[in-house]
Amino acid sequence: MSLSDLASLGSFASGVAVVITLVFLLLQMRQTDRNQRAAMQLGLAARASDMFTRMSEPGIALVATKAMRSGEDLSEAELWIWQVHVNSLLFSWETNFFHYRAGLLDQAAMNSEEGTIRASLTSPAFRAAWQFRRLALNKEFRTYIDNIAAQVPAIQPTEMRPLYRKLLHEQLAQARPITFVDAQNGLAQFEEAMHASK
């Protein structure tokens, strides 16, 4: 084999190595992109979970309930709590809005977020808080929220308990009673699943 043949063979091997390296890098980039999107989704879920946990704290829950009824006057301290709550929602939504625009948040996650925004904007109290705080936020985000607000009607507040009771009674009417045999069978299936997972 001549020196020229060896050089050609080396050049070919080098080209194959470059192609393999490029394929590997592309696969690595795809996996990195998936990991980044998963991390963004987890961050979104963590923020939402944290927000709901804070809303369930008695002091905040009482103020939010009072604010959402709209007809009740809030004290200065209660107004402050309400505004801080709304601000935390708005800043979270603004962050997600820009993550979506940058391609870091997928359409399904943004659709879910927008559903929450639309539901919130049906509340006159939330709309008032939005008007109070909107100038502190980015202009593009303000336009986005204003456009949604223009599409969503404000709804007179109502007490949730009667609606919840009605829905609960509908679900109870559809539920079937459980027998002792059903309970035993369910327990047996659970135990089988536990043994199979060991």
C-alpha atoms as a PDB file:
ATOM      1  CA  MET A   1       0.000   0.000   0.000  1.00  0.00           C
ATOM      2  CA  SER A   2       1.468   3.306  -1.064  1.00  0.00           C
ATOM      3  CA  LEU A   3       1.850   6.427   1.025  1.00  0.00           C
ATOM      4  CA  SER A   4      -0.850   8.093  -1.042  1.00  0.00           C
ATOM      5  CA  ASP A   5      -3.252   5.188  -0.321  1.00  0.00           C
ATOM      6  CA  LEU A   6      -2.513   5.473   3.393  1.00  0.00           C
ATOM      7  CA  ALA A   7      -3.157   9.224   3.263  1.00  0.00           C
ATOM      8  CA  SER A   8      -6.487   8.618   1.496  1.00  0.00           C
ATOM      9  CA  LEU A   9      -7.442   5.970   4.034  1.00  0.00           C
ATOM     10  CA  GLY A  10      -6.523   8.310   6.905  1.00  0.00           C
ATOM     11  CA  SER A  11      -8.512  11.098   5.319  1.00  0.00           C
ATOM     12  CA  PHE A  12     -11.525   8.794   4.943  1.00  0.00           C
ATOM     13  CA  ALA A  13     -11.236   7.604   8.562  1.00  0.00           C
ATOM     14  CA  SER A  14     -10.951  11.216   9.696  1.00  0.00           C
ATOM     15  CA  GLY A  15     -14.103  12.128   7.728  1.00  0.00           C
ATOM     16  CA  VAL A  16     -16.017   9.207   9.269  1.00  0.00           C
ATOM     17  CA  ALA A  17     -14.851  10.279  12.743  1.00  0.00           C
ATOM     18  CA  VAL A  18     -16.068  13.841  12.080  1.00  0.00           C
ATOM     19  CA  VAL A  19     -19.486  12.559  10.929  1.00  0.00           C
ATOM     20  CA  ILE A  20     -19.791  10.307  13.997  1.00  0.00           C
ATOM     21  CA  THR A  21     -18.811  13.213  16.246  1.00  0.00           C
ATOM     22  CA  LEU A  22     -21.406  15.486  14.593  1.00  0.00           C
ATOM     23  CA  VAL A  23     -24.144  12.869  14.991  1.00  0.00           C
ATOM     24  CA  PHE A  24     -23.178  12.418  18.633  1.00  0.00           C
ATOM     25  CA  LEU A  25     -23.227  16.206  19.181  1.00  0.00           C
ATOM     26  CA  LEU A  26     -26.656  16.521  17.537  1.00  0.00           C
ATOM     27  CA  LEU A  27     -28.042  13.749  19.750  1.00  0.00           C
ATOM     28  CA  GLN A  28     -26.476  15.417  22.783  1.00  0.00           C
ATOM     29  CA  MET A  29     -28.021  18.780  21.818  1.00  0.00           C
ATOM     30  CA  ARG A  30     -31.442  17.161  21.438  1.00  0.00           C
ATOM     31  CA  GLN A  31     -31.166  15.571  24.858  1.00  0.00           C
ATOM     32  CA  THR A  32     -29.998  18.861  26.377  1.00  0.00           C
ATOM     33  CA  ASP A  33     -32.982  20.627  24.817  1.00  0.00           C
ATOM     34  CA  ARG A  34     -35.363  18.013  26.257  1.00  0.00           C
ATOM     35  CA  ASN A  35     -33.741  18.331  29.671  1.00  0.00           C
ATOM     36  CA  GLN A  36     -34.012  22.114  29.515  1.00  0.00           C
ATOM     37  CA  ARG A  37     -37.705  21.940  28.639  1.00  0.00           C
ATOM     38  CA  ALA A  38     -38.344  19.439  31.415  1.00  0.00           C
ATOM     39  CA  ALA A  39     -36.547  21.720  33.880  1.00  0.00           C
ATOM     40  CA  MET A  40     -38.656  24.674  32.731  1.00  0.00           C
ATOM     41  CA  GLN A  41     -41.847  22.646  33.174  1.00  0.00           C
ATOM     42  CA  LEU A  42     -40.753  21.553  36.646  1.00  0.00           C
ATOM     43  CA  GLY A  43     -39.996  25.164  37.538  1.00  0.00           C
ATOM     44  CA  LEU A  44     -43.438  26.220  36.340  1.00  0.00           C
ATOM     45  CA  ALA A  45     -45.086  23.450  38.377  1.00  0.00           C
ATOM     46  CA  ALA A  46     -43.009  24.315  41.461  1.00  0.00           C
ATOM     47  CA  ARG A  47     -43.965  27.996  41.261  1.00  0.00           C
ATOM     48  CA  ALA A  48     -47.642  27.135  40.822  1.00  0.00           C
ATOM     49  CA  SER A  49     -47.543  24.669  43.706  1.00  0.00           C
ATOM     50  CA  ASP A  50     -45.817  27.229  45.922  1.00  0.00           C
ATOM     51  CA  MET A  51     -48.401  29.842  45.000  1.00  0.00           C
ATOM     52  CA  PHE A  52     -51.320  27.539  45.822  1.00  0.00           C
ATOM     53  CA  THR A  53     -49.689  26.520  49.092  1.00  0.00           C
ATOM     54  CA  ARG A  54     -49.309  30.160  50.099  1.00  0.00           C
ATOM     55  CA  MET A  55     -52.900  30.897  49.076  1.00  0.00           C
ATOM     56  CA  SER A  56     -54.115  28.185  51.437  1.00  0.00           C
ATOM     57  CA  GLU A  57     -52.521  29.899  54.439  1.00  0.00           C
ATOM     58  CA  PRO A  58     -55.438  31.153  56.564  1.00  0.00           C
ATOM     59  CA  GLY A  59     -54.501  34.851  56.528  1.00  0.00           C
ATOM     60  CA  ILE A  60     -54.015  35.004  52.785  1.00  0.00           C
ATOM     61  CA  ALA A  61     -57.027  32.776  52.059  1.00  0.00           C
ATOM     62  CA  LEU A  62     -59.296  35.077  54.082  1.00  0.00           C
ATOM     63  CA  VAL A  63     -58.011  38.196  52.315  1.00  0.00           C
ATOM     64  CA  ALA A  64     -58.218  36.585  48.859  1.00  0.00           C
ATOM     65  CA  THR A  65     -61.772  35.381  49.545  1.00  0.00           C
ATOM     66  CA  LYS A  66     -62.765  38.832  50.749  1.00  0.00           C
ATOM     67  CA  ALA A  67     -61.115  40.491  47.736  1.00  0.00           C
ATOM     68  CA  MET A  68     -62.682  38.110  45.232  1.00  0.00           C
ATOM     69  CA  ARG A  69     -66.151  38.858  46.605  1.00  0.00           C
ATOM     70  CA  SER A  70     -65.434  42.413  45.392  1.00  0.00           C
ATOM     71  CA  GLY A  71     -68.253  43.995  47.348  1.00  0.00           C
ATOM     72  CA  GLU A  72     -66.363  43.971  50.641  1.00  0.00           C
ATOM     73  CA  ASP A  73     -63.944  46.783  51.434  1.00  0.00           C
ATOM     74  CA  LEU A  74     -60.387  45.738  52.186  1.00  0.00           C
ATOM     75  CA  SER A  75     -58.419  47.411  54.940  1.00  0.00           C
ATOM     76  CA  GLU A  76     -55.043  48.917  53.970  1.00  0.00           C
ATOM     77  CA  ALA A  77     -53.248  45.838  55.341  1.00  0.00           C
ATOM     78  CA  GLU A  78     -55.596  43.493  53.470  1.00  0.00           C
ATOM     79  CA  LEU A  79     -55.165  45.484  50.260  1.00  0.00           C
ATOM     80  CA  TRP A  80     -51.395  45.140  50.655  1.00  0.00           C
ATOM     81  CA  ILE A  81     -51.693  41.346  51.060  1.00  0.00           C
ATOM     82  CA  TRP A  82     -53.997  41.136  48.027  1.00  0.00           C
ATOM     83  CA  GLN A  83     -51.656  43.253  45.896  1.00  0.00           C
ATOM     84  CA  VAL A  84     -48.599  41.202  46.902  1.00  0.00           C
ATOM     85  CA  HIS A  85     -50.488  38.033  45.983  1.00  0.00           C
ATOM     86  CA  VAL A  86     -51.532  39.411  42.584  1.00  0.00           C
ATOM     87  CA  ASN A  87     -48.002  40.740  41.966  1.00  0.00           C
ATOM     88  CA  SER A  88     -46.482  37.335  42.595  1.00  0.00           C
ATOM     89  CA  LEU A  89     -48.895  35.819  40.065  1.00  0.00           C
ATOM     90  CA  LEU A  90     -48.154  38.535  37.516  1.00  0.00           C
ATOM     91  CA  PHE A  91     -44.382  38.222  37.842  1.00  0.00           C
ATOM     92  CA  SER A  92     -44.633  34.439  37.484  1.00  0.00           C
ATOM     93  CA  TRP A  93     -46.815  34.805  34.396  1.00  0.00           C
ATOM     94  CA  GLU A  94     -44.465  37.410  32.934  1.00  0.00           C
ATOM     95  CA  THR A  95     -41.501  35.074  33.423  1.00  0.00           C
ATOM     96  CA  ASN A  96     -43.372  32.239  31.724  1.00  0.00           C
ATOM     97  CA  PHE A  97     -44.454  34.563  28.904  1.00  0.00           C
ATOM     98  CA  PHE A  98     -40.829  35.428  28.104  1.00  0.00           C
ATOM     99  CA  HIS A  99     -39.691  31.823  28.502  1.00  0.00           C
ATOM    100  CA  TYR A 100     -42.339  30.834  25.967  1.00  0.00           C
ATOM    101  CA  ARG A 101     -41.267  33.599  23.592  1.00  0.00           C
ATOM    102  CA  ALA A 102     -37.657  32.381  23.871  1.00  0.00           C
ATOM    103  CA  GLY A 103     -38.752  28.829  23.005  1.00  0.00           C
ATOM    104  CA  LEU A 104     -38.008  27.489  26.490  1.00  0.00           C
ATOM    105  CA  LEU A 105     -41.626  26.691  27.354  1.00  0.00           C
ATOM    106  CA  ASP A 106     -43.769  24.545  25.063  1.00  0.00           C
ATOM    107  CA  GLN A 107     -47.212  25.394  23.709  1.00  0.00           C
ATOM    108  CA  ALA A 108     -49.075  22.974  25.997  1.00  0.00           C
ATOM    109  CA  ALA A 109     -47.555  24.559  29.116  1.00  0.00           C
ATOM    110  CA  MET A 110     -48.327  28.048  27.816  1.00  0.00           C
ATOM    111  CA  ASN A 111     -51.922  27.044  27.019  1.00  0.00           C
ATOM    112  CA  SER A 112     -52.337  25.827  30.589  1.00  0.00           C
ATOM    113  CA  GLU A 113     -50.861  29.067  31.934  1.00  0.00           C
ATOM    114  CA  GLU A 114     -53.144  31.131  29.720  1.00  0.00           C
ATOM    115  CA  GLY A 115     -56.148  29.201  31.006  1.00  0.00           C
ATOM    116  CA  THR A 116     -55.252  30.289  34.538  1.00  0.00           C
ATOM    117  CA  ILE A 117     -54.788  33.881  33.369  1.00  0.00           C
ATOM    118  CA  ARG A 118     -58.190  33.870  31.656  1.00  0.00           C
ATOM    119  CA  ALA A 119     -59.900  32.450  34.748  1.00  0.00           C
ATOM    120  CA  SER A 120     -58.239  35.067  36.957  1.00  0.00           C
ATOM    121  CA  LEU A 121     -59.277  37.902  34.656  1.00  0.00           C
ATOM    122  CA  THR A 122     -62.958  37.021  35.038  1.00  0.00           C
ATOM    123  CA  SER A 123     -62.697  38.475  38.567  1.00  0.00           C
ATOM    124  CA  PRO A 124     -63.388  42.219  38.863  1.00  0.00           C
ATOM    125  CA  ALA A 125     -61.083  42.297  41.915  1.00  0.00           C
ATOM    126  CA  PHE A 126     -58.254  40.760  39.910  1.00  0.00           C
ATOM    127  CA  ARG A 127     -58.856  43.207  37.055  1.00  0.00           C
ATOM    128  CA  ALA A 128     -58.684  46.104  39.507  1.00  0.00           C
ATOM    129  CA  ALA A 129     -55.403  44.763  40.920  1.00  0.00           C
ATOM    130  CA  TRP A 130     -54.105  44.355  37.353  1.00  0.00           C
ATOM    131  CA  GLN A 131     -54.927  47.973  36.526  1.00  0.00           C
ATOM    132  CA  PHE A 132     -53.216  49.016  39.737  1.00  0.00           C
ATOM    133  CA  ARG A 133     -49.963  47.159  38.918  1.00  0.00           C
ATOM    134  CA  ARG A 134     -49.798  46.866  35.134  1.00  0.00           C
ATOM    135  CA  LEU A 135     -47.404  49.783  34.550  1.00  0.00           C
ATOM    136  CA  ALA A 136     -44.733  48.051  36.658  1.00  0.00           C
ATOM    137  CA  LEU A 137     -44.516  45.239  34.087  1.00  0.00           C
ATOM    138  CA  ASN A 138     -42.957  44.923  30.644  1.00  0.00           C
ATOM    139  CA  LYS A 139     -44.875  46.582  27.800  1.00  0.00           C
ATOM    140  CA  GLU A 140     -45.109  43.400  25.676  1.00  0.00           C
ATOM    141  CA  PHE A 141     -46.474  41.465  28.639  1.00  0.00           C
ATOM    142  CA  ARG A 142     -48.956  44.265  29.424  1.00  0.00           C
ATOM    143  CA  THR A 143     -50.231  44.087  25.840  1.00  0.00           C
ATOM    144  CA  TYR A 144     -50.557  40.309  26.104  1.00  0.00           C
ATOM    145  CA  ILE A 145     -52.611  40.520  29.328  1.00  0.00           C
ATOM    146  CA  ASP A 146     -54.684  43.473  28.059  1.00  0.00           C
ATOM    147  CA  ASN A 147     -55.575  41.465  24.924  1.00  0.00           C
ATOM    148  CA  ILE A 148     -56.727  38.523  27.034  1.00  0.00           C
ATOM    149  CA  ALA A 149     -58.705  40.858  29.324  1.00  0.00           C
ATOM    150  CA  ALA A 150     -60.470  42.286  26.255  1.00  0.00           C
ATOM    151  CA  GLN A 151     -61.591  38.753  25.278  1.00  0.00           C
ATOM    152  CA  VAL A 152     -62.687  37.573  28.744  1.00  0.00           C
ATOM    153  CA  PRO A 153     -65.796  39.029  30.398  1.00  0.00           C
ATOM    154  CA  ALA A 154     -65.716  40.099  34.035  1.00  0.00           C
ATOM    155  CA  ILE A 155     -68.117  37.974  36.057  1.00  0.00           C
ATOM    156  CA  GLN A 156     -70.004  39.069  39.142  1.00  0.00           C
ATOM    157  CA  PRO A 157     -68.511  37.230  42.102  1.00  0.00           C
ATOM    158  CA  THR A 158     -70.517  34.465  43.667  1.00  0.00           C
ATOM    159  CA  GLU A 159     -70.023  32.199  46.625  1.00  0.00           C
ATOM    160  CA  MET A 160     -68.354  28.932  45.617  1.00  0.00           C
ATOM    161  CA  ARG A 161     -69.887  26.669  48.262  1.00  0.00           C
ATOM    162  CA  PRO A 162     -73.326  26.211  46.620  1.00  0.00           C
ATOM    163  CA  LEU A 163     -71.707  25.356  43.269  1.00  0.00           C
ATOM    164  CA  TYR A 164     -69.261  22.958  44.945  1.00  0.00           C
ATOM    165  CA  ARG A 165     -72.095  21.254  46.849  1.00  0.00           C
ATOM    166  CA  LYS A 166     -74.083  20.858  43.621  1.00  0.00           C
ATOM    167  CA  LEU A 167     -71.083  19.316  41.820  1.00  0.00           C
ATOM    168  CA  LEU A 168     -70.357  17.065  44.795  1.00  0.00           C
ATOM    169  CA  HIS A 169     -73.955  15.789  44.886  1.00  0.00           C
ATOM    170  CA  GLU A 170     -73.806  15.066  41.147  1.00  0.00           C
ATOM    171  CA  GLN A 171     -70.621  13.034  41.651  1.00  0.00           C
ATOM    172  CA  LEU A 172     -72.040  11.219  44.674  1.00  0.00           C
ATOM    173  CA  ALA A 173     -75.120  10.264  42.643  1.00  0.00           C
ATOM    174  CA  GLN A 174     -72.839   8.661  40.031  1.00  0.00           C
ATOM    175  CA  ALA A 175     -70.609   6.889  42.554  1.00  0.00           C
ATOM    176  CA  ARG A 176     -71.283   3.242  43.219  1.00  0.00           C
ATOM    177  CA  PRO A 177     -71.206   1.898  46.747  1.00  0.00           C
ATOM    178  CA  ILE A 178     -68.251  -0.272  47.683  1.00  0.00           C
ATOM    179  CA  THR A 179     -68.865  -3.668  49.239  1.00  0.00           C
ATOM    180  CA  PHE A 180     -66.699  -5.628  51.638  1.00  0.00           C
ATOM    181  CA  VAL A 181     -65.781  -7.991  48.768  1.00  0.00           C
ATOM    182  CA  ASP A 182     -64.711  -5.008  46.609  1.00  0.00           C
ATOM    183  CA  ALA A 183     -62.496  -3.770  49.437  1.00  0.00           C
ATOM    184  CA  GLN A 184     -60.906  -7.210  49.872  1.00  0.00           C
ATOM    185  CA  ASN A 185     -60.298  -7.566  46.128  1.00  0.00           C
ATOM    186  CA  GLY A 186     -58.773  -4.083  45.988  1.00  0.00           C
ATOM    187  CA  LEU A 187     -56.464  -4.902  48.911  1.00  0.00           C
ATOM    188  CA  ALA A 188     -55.439  -8.195  47.290  1.00  0.00           C
ATOM    189  CA  GLN A 189     -54.598  -6.402  44.021  1.00  0.00           C
ATOM    190  CA  PHE A 190     -52.585  -3.789  45.916  1.00  0.00           C
ATOM    191  CA  GLU A 191     -50.611  -6.498  47.745  1.00  0.00           C
ATOM    192  CA  GLU A 192     -49.927  -8.323  44.443  1.00  0.00           C
ATOM    193  CA  ALA A 193     -48.635  -5.104  42.897  1.00  0.00           C
ATOM    194  CA  MET A 194     -46.369  -4.479  45.891  1.00  0.00           C
ATOM    195  CA  HIS A 195     -44.884  -7.995  45.710  1.00  0.00           C
ATOM    196  CA  ALA A 196     -44.390  -7.725  41.950  1.00  0.00           C
ATOM    197  CA  SER A 197     -42.453  -4.450  42.335  1.00  0.00           C
ATOM    198  CA  LYS A 198     -39.910  -6.015  44.749  1.00  0.00           C
END
